[in-house]
Amino acid sequence: MNLIENHPGEWAALLTAVFWTVTALAFESASRRVGSLVVNILRLVIGFIFLTIFSIIYKGTVIPLDASRENWFWLSLSGLVGFVFGDLFLFKSYTIIGSRFSMLIMTLVPPITALFSWIIIGERLTMFHYLGMTLTFLGISLAIFNRNGKGEKLTLKLAPLGILYAFGGAVGQALGLVLSKFGLKDYDPFSATQIRVIAGIAGFSVLITLIRRWNNVKVALSDKVSMKPLSLGAFFGPFLGVSFSLIAVKFTKAGIASTIMALVPVFIIVPAVVMYKEKVTLPEIAGAIISVIGVALFFLK
C-alpha cells in the first residue's frame, strides 16, 4: 500500500501506458477504414462526451467554468500543441517512414520532456532517474525494432522529411505534456483534460474546414464498423488515458511520467501475439525485461 501512496504519479503513468495500448489497437483499426484525420477529431469529440458526463456526475457542471484564466490559457495551448501539432506530424511520419521507425523516434519524447520541464518549470532529474530512462529507452528500442518484422533488415536510409515529421511529433507531445503540467497546478486533472480536448477539437475543426474534409467525417459517423473501435479508443484515450497522464505529471516529474508512458510499444507485444498471432522474438522479450527494470528504478526512489 505504501508503494502506491508514495508513487501515485508513477502508477498513474503506468496505467496511462496500459490505456494507450488499448487506444493504439483501437485507433489503428478505425484509421484503416476512415483515415487518421477523421479519427483524430472524432476521438476528441467522443472523449469530450465521456468527460462531460463524468463532470456532470462528479462536479455537477457541464464544462470547467471553475478553472482560472491561467488554467484555460496554458491547458488550451497544450491541447493545440499536443493533440493538433504533435499528432498531425506523427501521423504524417507514418506515411513516409512507417510506424515502426516513427515509434523509435518517438522514444525521444521523455528526454525532450525532461528538457522542456527543466526550461519551463525548473524540474531536474537525478543521475538515478537518467539511468532508469536509459534502460527504458533501450528496452523500448529493442521491442520497436522487432515489431512487425518480416525478415527486413534495419536501414538508415530513411526519408529526411519523415524523420523531421516524427521528431516534430515527439516535440509536440513533449511540449504539450509540460504545458499541461504548467497549466494544471492544483486543478482537477479530468477538468483539465476537458479543456485540452476542447482546444484540440477547435484546432482540428479549423483544419478540416480549410481542407474541406467534413464530408469524410459525416461518412465515418455512419460507419458502424469503424465507430465501435473509435468509441473504445476515445474512452481509453482522450478520457482515461489523457486524464491519467495529467494525474501522473501532477504527482511526479514530467520526464519520469513520459518515460513510463512510453512503454506502449512493449505492452502492445502481448495483444499482438493474442490478436494477430504474431511471434515474439528473443530481442523483444529482452527489450520488455530491460524496460521493466528501467521503470522499476523510478519506484525505488
Protein backbone atom coordinates (compact mmCIF):
# COMPACT_ATOMS: atom_id res chain seq x y z
CA MET A 1 0.00 0.00 0.00
CA ASN A 2 2.91 2.35 0.81
CA LEU A 3 4.34 1.75 -2.66
CA ILE A 4 1.13 3.11 -4.22
CA GLU A 5 0.82 6.00 -1.76
CA ASN A 6 4.46 7.02 -2.21
CA HIS A 7 4.38 6.86 -6.02
CA PRO A 8 0.90 7.96 -7.21
CA GLY A 9 2.33 9.73 -10.27
CA GLU A 10 4.36 6.71 -11.37
CA TRP A 11 1.37 4.38 -11.01
CA ALA A 12 -0.85 6.82 -12.92
CA ALA A 13 1.76 6.90 -15.71
CA LEU A 14 1.83 3.09 -15.79
CA LEU A 15 -1.96 2.96 -16.09
CA THR A 16 -1.75 5.58 -18.84
CA ALA A 17 0.57 3.29 -20.83
CA VAL A 18 -1.96 0.46 -20.45
CA PHE A 19 -4.84 2.69 -21.55
CA TRP A 20 -2.87 3.97 -24.55
CA THR A 21 -2.07 0.40 -25.57
CA VAL A 22 -5.80 -0.26 -25.92
CA THR A 23 -6.16 3.05 -27.73
CA ALA A 24 -3.38 2.27 -30.21
CA LEU A 25 -5.01 -1.01 -31.22
CA ALA A 26 -8.47 0.56 -31.48
CA PHE A 27 -7.40 3.62 -33.48
CA GLU A 28 -5.26 1.55 -35.84
CA SER A 29 -8.37 -0.43 -36.78
CA ALA A 30 -10.52 2.70 -37.21
CA SER A 31 -7.85 4.65 -39.13
CA ARG A 32 -7.59 1.92 -41.74
CA ARG A 33 -11.26 2.42 -42.58
CA VAL A 34 -11.87 6.17 -42.29
CA GLY A 35 -8.45 7.83 -42.21
CA SER A 36 -6.32 9.27 -39.40
CA LEU A 37 -7.54 12.88 -39.64
CA VAL A 38 -11.16 11.84 -39.22
CA VAL A 39 -10.21 9.56 -36.33
CA ASN A 40 -8.32 12.43 -34.69
CA ILE A 41 -11.30 14.75 -34.43
CA LEU A 42 -13.92 12.09 -33.72
CA ARG A 43 -11.86 10.58 -30.89
CA LEU A 44 -11.73 14.04 -29.27
CA VAL A 45 -15.46 14.67 -29.73
CA ILE A 46 -16.37 11.27 -28.24
CA GLY A 47 -13.78 11.77 -25.50
CA PHE A 48 -15.34 15.15 -24.72
CA ILE A 49 -18.74 13.47 -24.33
CA PHE A 50 -17.28 10.99 -21.80
CA LEU A 51 -15.52 13.81 -19.94
CA THR A 52 -18.71 15.90 -19.86
CA ILE A 53 -20.76 13.02 -18.44
CA PHE A 54 -18.06 12.47 -15.80
CA SER A 55 -18.00 16.19 -14.98
CA ILE A 56 -21.79 16.32 -14.53
CA ILE A 57 -21.70 13.33 -12.16
CA TYR A 58 -18.53 14.34 -10.30
CA LYS A 59 -18.82 18.15 -10.18
CA GLY A 60 -22.33 18.95 -11.36
CA THR A 61 -21.06 21.12 -14.21
CA VAL A 62 -21.01 20.64 -17.98
CA ILE A 63 -17.76 22.47 -18.69
CA PRO A 64 -14.97 23.54 -16.29
CA LEU A 65 -16.11 27.10 -15.58
CA ASP A 66 -14.30 26.97 -12.23
CA ALA A 67 -10.92 27.00 -14.00
CA SER A 68 -8.93 30.21 -13.90
CA ARG A 69 -7.96 32.18 -17.00
CA GLU A 70 -4.43 30.94 -16.48
CA ASN A 71 -5.64 27.32 -16.44
CA TRP A 72 -7.63 27.88 -19.62
CA PHE A 73 -4.77 29.58 -21.46
CA TRP A 74 -1.99 27.09 -20.74
CA LEU A 75 -4.16 23.97 -20.95
CA SER A 76 -5.70 25.15 -24.23
CA LEU A 77 -2.23 25.84 -25.60
CA SER A 78 -1.09 22.36 -24.50
CA GLY A 79 -4.12 20.86 -26.26
CA LEU A 80 -3.28 22.62 -29.51
CA VAL A 81 0.41 21.73 -29.27
CA GLY A 82 -0.10 18.12 -28.17
CA PHE A 83 -3.28 16.99 -29.92
CA VAL A 84 -3.14 19.03 -33.13
CA PHE A 85 0.51 19.87 -33.85
CA GLY A 86 2.04 16.72 -32.32
CA ASP A 87 -0.44 14.19 -33.69
CA LEU A 88 -0.55 15.74 -37.17
CA PHE A 89 3.21 15.45 -37.52
CA LEU A 90 3.25 11.95 -36.05
CA PHE A 91 0.55 10.56 -38.35
CA LYS A 92 2.24 12.19 -41.35
CA SER A 93 5.51 10.47 -40.46
CA TYR A 94 3.70 7.10 -40.51
CA THR A 95 3.01 7.56 -44.22
CA ILE A 96 6.65 8.35 -45.04
CA ILE A 97 8.91 6.19 -42.84
CA GLY A 98 6.36 3.78 -41.33
CA SER A 99 5.05 3.41 -37.80
CA ARG A 100 7.96 1.30 -36.51
CA PHE A 101 10.64 3.91 -37.21
CA SER A 102 8.29 6.71 -36.19
CA MET A 103 7.75 5.00 -32.84
CA LEU A 104 11.50 4.65 -32.40
CA ILE A 105 11.97 8.39 -32.90
CA MET A 106 9.06 8.98 -30.50
CA THR A 107 11.15 7.42 -27.72
CA LEU A 108 12.85 10.83 -27.71
CA VAL A 109 9.71 12.23 -26.02
CA PRO A 110 10.94 11.57 -22.43
CA PRO A 111 14.32 13.33 -22.75
CA ILE A 112 12.70 16.18 -24.70
CA THR A 113 10.05 16.38 -21.96
CA ALA A 114 12.77 16.46 -19.30
CA LEU A 115 14.49 19.29 -21.20
CA PHE A 116 11.30 21.34 -21.58
CA SER A 117 10.30 20.73 -17.94
CA TRP A 118 13.73 21.99 -16.84
CA ILE A 119 13.45 25.11 -19.03
CA ILE A 120 9.79 25.94 -18.30
CA ILE A 121 9.17 24.55 -14.81
CA GLY A 122 12.68 24.15 -13.41
CA GLU A 123 12.39 20.40 -12.75
CA ARG A 124 15.65 18.47 -12.50
CA LEU A 125 16.26 14.72 -12.71
CA THR A 126 18.91 12.84 -10.76
CA MET A 127 21.52 10.50 -12.28
CA PHE A 128 19.46 7.61 -10.88
CA HIS A 129 16.46 8.84 -12.88
CA TYR A 130 18.56 9.15 -16.03
CA LEU A 131 19.74 5.55 -15.53
CA GLY A 132 16.10 4.41 -15.39
CA MET A 133 15.29 6.43 -18.52
CA THR A 134 18.26 4.97 -20.40
CA LEU A 135 17.33 1.38 -19.57
CA THR A 136 13.72 2.01 -20.52
CA PHE A 137 14.73 3.58 -23.87
CA LEU A 138 17.00 0.62 -24.61
CA GLY A 139 14.22 -1.88 -23.90
CA ILE A 140 11.62 0.02 -25.93
CA SER A 141 14.05 0.35 -28.85
CA LEU A 142 14.64 -3.41 -28.90
CA ALA A 143 10.87 -4.01 -28.88
CA ILE A 144 10.19 -1.48 -31.64
CA PHE A 145 12.94 -2.66 -33.96
CA ASN A 146 11.48 -6.14 -33.81
CA ARG A 147 7.79 -5.20 -34.09
CA ASN A 148 6.16 -6.25 -37.35
CA GLY A 149 9.48 -7.59 -38.53
CA LYS A 150 9.16 -9.86 -41.56
CA GLY A 151 12.78 -10.51 -42.23
CA GLU A 152 13.52 -6.96 -43.37
CA LYS A 153 16.89 -5.52 -42.45
CA LEU A 154 17.28 -2.33 -40.49
CA THR A 155 18.41 0.59 -42.57
CA LEU A 156 19.37 4.20 -42.02
CA LYS A 157 18.14 5.15 -45.49
CA LEU A 158 15.07 6.91 -44.17
CA ALA A 159 13.46 9.91 -45.84
CA PRO A 160 14.71 13.05 -44.03
CA LEU A 161 11.24 14.61 -44.22
CA GLY A 162 9.74 11.56 -42.47
CA ILE A 163 12.33 11.81 -39.70
CA LEU A 164 11.58 15.54 -39.38
CA TYR A 165 7.84 14.88 -39.10
CA ALA A 166 8.37 12.18 -36.45
CA PHE A 167 10.68 14.49 -34.50
CA GLY A 168 8.03 17.21 -34.75
CA GLY A 169 5.52 14.75 -33.31
CA ALA A 170 7.88 14.00 -30.43
CA VAL A 171 8.41 17.70 -29.72
CA GLY A 172 4.65 18.33 -29.87
CA GLN A 173 3.85 15.55 -27.40
CA ALA A 174 6.66 16.53 -25.03
CA LEU A 175 5.87 20.25 -25.03
CA GLY A 176 2.14 19.54 -24.73
CA LEU A 177 2.76 17.43 -21.62
CA VAL A 178 4.94 20.06 -19.95
CA LEU A 179 2.49 22.87 -20.78
CA SER A 180 -0.24 20.67 -19.25
CA LYS A 181 1.72 20.38 -16.01
CA PHE A 182 2.41 24.12 -16.04
CA GLY A 183 -1.28 24.93 -16.55
CA LEU A 184 -2.62 22.19 -14.26
CA LYS A 185 -1.08 23.21 -10.92
CA ASP A 186 -3.64 22.10 -8.27
CA TYR A 187 -6.58 21.90 -10.69
CA ASP A 188 -8.61 18.73 -11.32
CA PRO A 189 -6.91 16.55 -14.00
CA PHE A 190 -10.19 15.42 -15.60
CA SER A 191 -11.45 19.00 -15.97
CA ALA A 192 -8.02 19.99 -17.27
CA THR A 193 -8.27 17.23 -19.87
CA GLN A 194 -11.67 18.58 -20.90
CA ILE A 195 -10.10 21.99 -21.56
CA ARG A 196 -7.32 20.41 -23.62
CA VAL A 197 -9.83 18.39 -25.63
CA ILE A 198 -11.95 21.49 -26.34
CA ALA A 199 -8.86 23.21 -27.73
CA GLY A 200 -7.98 20.12 -29.77
CA ILE A 201 -11.48 19.93 -31.28
CA ALA A 202 -11.31 23.63 -32.19
CA GLY A 203 -7.92 23.18 -33.83
CA PHE A 204 -8.94 20.16 -35.89
CA SER A 205 -12.23 21.84 -36.84
CA VAL A 206 -10.34 24.76 -38.37
CA LEU A 207 -8.01 22.37 -40.19
CA ILE A 208 -10.81 20.16 -41.57
CA THR A 209 -12.70 23.28 -42.71
CA LEU A 210 -9.65 24.60 -44.53
CA ILE A 211 -9.02 21.33 -46.38
CA ARG A 212 -12.74 20.58 -46.81
CA ARG A 213 -12.93 17.14 -45.21
CA TRP A 214 -16.22 17.42 -43.30
CA ASN A 215 -17.88 15.02 -45.72
CA ASN A 216 -15.34 12.36 -44.68
CA VAL A 217 -16.35 12.91 -41.07
CA LYS A 218 -20.01 12.54 -41.97
CA VAL A 219 -19.32 9.26 -43.79
CA ALA A 220 -17.34 7.92 -40.82
CA LEU A 221 -20.19 8.68 -38.41
CA SER A 222 -22.46 6.36 -40.42
CA ASP A 223 -19.84 3.59 -40.48
CA LYS A 224 -20.80 1.38 -37.51
CA VAL A 225 -17.79 -0.90 -38.01
CA SER A 226 -15.30 1.93 -37.51
CA MET A 227 -17.28 3.73 -34.80
CA LYS A 228 -17.02 0.78 -32.39
CA PRO A 229 -13.21 0.74 -32.09
CA LEU A 230 -13.18 4.55 -32.34
CA SER A 231 -15.50 4.85 -29.34
CA LEU A 232 -13.45 2.29 -27.40
CA GLY A 233 -10.26 4.19 -28.22
CA ALA A 234 -11.84 7.50 -27.19
CA PHE A 235 -12.83 6.06 -23.80
CA PHE A 236 -9.32 4.76 -23.04
CA GLY A 237 -7.53 7.64 -24.82
CA PRO A 238 -8.86 11.22 -24.51
CA PHE A 239 -10.99 10.28 -21.47
CA LEU A 240 -8.97 7.92 -19.24
CA GLY A 241 -5.52 7.97 -20.85
CA VAL A 242 -5.03 11.73 -21.14
CA SER A 243 -6.62 12.36 -17.74
CA PHE A 244 -4.33 9.85 -16.02
CA SER A 245 -1.33 11.34 -17.84
CA LEU A 246 -2.17 14.65 -16.16
CA ILE A 247 -2.51 12.88 -12.80
CA ALA A 248 0.94 11.44 -13.49
CA VAL A 249 2.62 14.80 -14.18
CA LYS A 250 0.82 16.31 -11.21
CA PHE A 251 2.41 13.88 -8.76
CA THR A 252 5.78 13.14 -10.35
CA LYS A 253 8.31 14.83 -12.62
CA ALA A 254 7.28 15.18 -16.25
CA GLY A 255 10.38 13.37 -17.54
CA ILE A 256 9.68 10.33 -15.35
CA ALA A 257 5.99 10.26 -16.26
CA SER A 258 6.68 10.45 -20.01
CA THR A 259 9.27 7.65 -19.74
CA ILE A 260 6.80 5.27 -18.11
CA MET A 261 4.05 6.28 -20.54
CA ALA A 262 6.39 5.43 -23.43
CA LEU A 263 6.04 1.72 -22.57
CA VAL A 264 3.18 1.29 -25.06
CA PRO A 265 5.39 -0.48 -27.70
CA VAL A 266 6.35 -3.02 -25.03
CA PHE A 267 2.83 -3.50 -23.68
CA ILE A 268 1.44 -3.95 -27.18
CA ILE A 269 3.51 -7.12 -27.73
CA VAL A 270 1.10 -9.40 -25.82
CA PRO A 271 -2.09 -8.17 -27.62
CA ALA A 272 -0.26 -8.53 -30.94
CA VAL A 273 0.51 -12.15 -30.13
CA VAL A 274 -3.02 -12.94 -28.91
CA MET A 275 -5.00 -10.97 -31.51
CA TYR A 276 -2.77 -11.18 -34.57
CA LYS A 277 -0.85 -14.42 -33.82
CA GLU A 278 2.49 -12.65 -34.18
CA LYS A 279 5.60 -14.45 -32.97
CA VAL A 280 7.64 -12.99 -30.13
CA THR A 281 11.39 -12.83 -30.70
CA LEU A 282 14.14 -13.05 -28.07
CA PRO A 283 15.14 -9.37 -28.58
CA GLU A 284 11.51 -8.39 -27.87
CA ILE A 285 11.49 -10.43 -24.65
CA ALA A 286 14.84 -8.93 -23.65
CA GLY A 287 13.59 -5.45 -24.50
CA ALA A 288 10.49 -5.92 -22.36
CA ILE A 289 12.54 -7.13 -19.39
CA ILE A 290 15.08 -4.29 -19.71
CA SER A 291 12.36 -1.63 -19.98
CA VAL A 292 10.53 -3.01 -16.93
CA ILE A 293 13.79 -2.91 -14.94
CA GLY A 294 14.28 0.69 -16.06
CA VAL A 295 10.79 1.68 -14.95
CA ALA A 296 11.20 -0.21 -11.66
CA LEU A 297 14.09 2.12 -10.76
CA PHE A 298 11.64 5.03 -10.57
CA PHE A 299 9.70 3.22 -7.86
CA LEU A 300 12.81 2.70 -5.71
CA LYS A 301 13.37 6.41 -5.10
